[in-house]
Amino acid sequence: MPERLNIGPLQLGETAPNFVLDAITREGKIAIDDFRGEKPVLVGLYRGLHCPFCRRHIAILSQLTPALNAKGIESLTVVNTPVERARLYLRYHPMLGLLAASDPERTS
């Protein structure tokens, strides 16, 4: 199990620490450092796809993604669901434009 850091919440203007997670909606990995210097990124951290409130919020965020992108903002959804289970869920509940990563160990 990866070491968990207890750094507390970020303050305005602070840089988020990097984390690298398995991508759900594409192949490979997703890292916060991939976004540095490009454009702002809205990171949503969710308990998992087992949570009905999280699923609803993720679906709404997916619908808002084109509007966020038009304003120059990228969004990243992080769920505690294992990657294969998350991919299975999204196969039956597609969310176009969603950029999602799996964090079952809650390292982010």
Protein backbone atom coordinates (compact mmCIF):
# COMPACT_ATOMS: atom_id res chain seq x y z
CA MET A 1 0.00 0.00 0.00
CA PRO A 2 1.43 3.41 -0.94
CA GLU A 3 2.37 5.79 1.84
CA ARG A 4 -0.35 8.34 2.55
CA LEU A 5 0.65 11.91 3.19
CA ASN A 6 -1.25 14.00 5.67
CA ILE A 7 -0.64 17.44 4.24
CA GLY A 8 -4.05 18.98 4.86
CA PRO A 9 -6.17 20.94 2.41
CA LEU A 10 -4.56 23.15 -0.20
CA GLN A 11 -4.75 26.87 0.29
CA LEU A 12 -5.47 29.36 -2.47
CA GLY A 13 -2.50 29.61 -4.81
CA GLU A 14 -0.76 26.46 -3.55
CA THR A 15 0.36 23.81 -6.02
CA ALA A 16 -1.21 20.38 -5.67
CA PRO A 17 1.22 17.52 -5.12
CA ASN A 18 1.58 15.15 -8.04
CA PHE A 19 -0.18 11.80 -8.06
CA VAL A 20 -0.31 9.18 -10.80
CA LEU A 21 -3.40 6.99 -11.22
CA ASP A 22 -4.74 4.40 -13.64
CA ALA A 23 -6.94 6.00 -16.30
CA ILE A 24 -10.50 4.71 -16.56
CA THR A 25 -11.77 6.44 -19.68
CA ARG A 26 -8.60 5.88 -21.70
CA GLU A 27 -5.56 3.61 -21.58
CA GLY A 28 -2.52 4.33 -19.46
CA LYS A 29 -1.99 6.60 -16.50
CA ILE A 30 -3.09 10.10 -15.56
CA ALA A 31 -0.86 12.39 -13.49
CA ILE A 32 -1.56 15.83 -12.11
CA ASP A 33 1.81 16.87 -13.55
CA ASP A 34 0.33 16.20 -17.02
CA PHE A 35 -1.76 19.35 -16.55
CA ARG A 36 0.89 21.68 -15.12
CA GLY A 37 1.56 24.70 -17.26
CA GLU A 38 -1.31 23.85 -19.61
CA LYS A 39 -4.60 25.01 -18.12
CA PRO A 40 -6.43 24.86 -14.80
CA VAL A 41 -7.83 21.49 -13.79
CA LEU A 42 -10.88 20.85 -11.63
CA VAL A 43 -10.25 17.61 -9.71
CA GLY A 44 -13.32 15.90 -8.29
CA LEU A 45 -12.64 13.27 -5.62
CA TYR A 46 -15.46 10.77 -5.15
CA ARG A 47 -16.02 7.84 -2.77
CA GLY A 48 -16.69 5.52 -5.67
CA LEU A 49 -19.20 4.38 -8.24
CA HIS A 50 -21.04 2.40 -5.55
CA CYS A 51 -22.27 5.74 -4.12
CA PRO A 52 -25.52 6.94 -5.76
CA PHE A 53 -24.79 10.57 -4.88
CA CYS A 54 -21.31 10.34 -6.41
CA ARG A 55 -22.68 8.72 -9.58
CA ARG A 56 -25.21 11.53 -9.96
CA HIS A 57 -22.59 14.23 -9.41
CA ILE A 58 -20.15 12.58 -11.85
CA ALA A 59 -22.89 12.41 -14.51
CA ILE A 60 -23.62 16.12 -14.05
CA LEU A 61 -19.90 16.96 -14.23
CA SER A 62 -19.69 14.96 -17.45
CA GLN A 63 -22.49 17.08 -18.91
CA LEU A 64 -20.68 20.26 -17.83
CA THR A 65 -17.34 19.21 -19.33
CA PRO A 66 -17.88 20.94 -22.72
CA ALA A 67 -18.75 24.23 -20.97
CA LEU A 68 -15.70 23.93 -18.69
CA ASN A 69 -13.45 23.16 -21.66
CA ALA A 70 -14.83 26.19 -23.51
CA LYS A 71 -13.67 28.32 -20.57
CA GLY A 72 -10.21 26.72 -20.66
CA ILE A 73 -10.75 24.40 -17.68
CA GLU A 74 -10.03 20.67 -17.74
CA SER A 75 -11.84 18.35 -15.34
CA LEU A 76 -10.58 15.12 -13.80
CA THR A 77 -12.83 12.72 -11.92
CA VAL A 78 -11.11 10.46 -9.37
CA VAL A 79 -13.04 7.52 -7.90
CA ASN A 80 -12.07 4.91 -5.30
CA THR A 81 -13.48 2.18 -7.55
CA PRO A 82 -10.99 -0.33 -9.03
CA VAL A 83 -10.25 0.45 -12.69
CA GLU A 84 -11.84 -2.66 -14.25
CA ARG A 85 -15.03 -2.28 -12.22
CA ALA A 86 -15.20 1.42 -13.14
CA ARG A 87 -14.73 0.62 -16.84
CA LEU A 88 -17.52 -1.94 -16.63
CA TYR A 89 -19.83 0.63 -15.03
CA LEU A 90 -19.03 3.23 -17.71
CA ARG A 91 -19.62 0.68 -20.46
CA TYR A 92 -23.26 0.49 -19.34
CA HIS A 93 -23.52 4.15 -18.28
CA PRO A 94 -21.42 6.06 -20.85
CA MET A 95 -20.42 9.62 -19.98
CA LEU A 96 -18.98 11.33 -23.03
CA GLY A 97 -16.06 13.64 -22.46
CA LEU A 98 -15.41 12.38 -18.93
CA LEU A 99 -11.74 12.12 -17.98
CA ALA A 100 -11.61 9.71 -15.05
CA ALA A 101 -8.99 7.92 -12.98
CA SER A 102 -9.12 5.08 -10.47
CA ASP A 103 -7.72 5.45 -6.96
CA PRO A 104 -8.81 2.38 -4.97
CA GLU A 105 -5.98 2.93 -2.44
CA ARG A 106 -7.05 6.58 -1.88
CA THR A 107 -3.57 7.94 -2.51
CA SER A 108 -4.86 11.18 -3.99
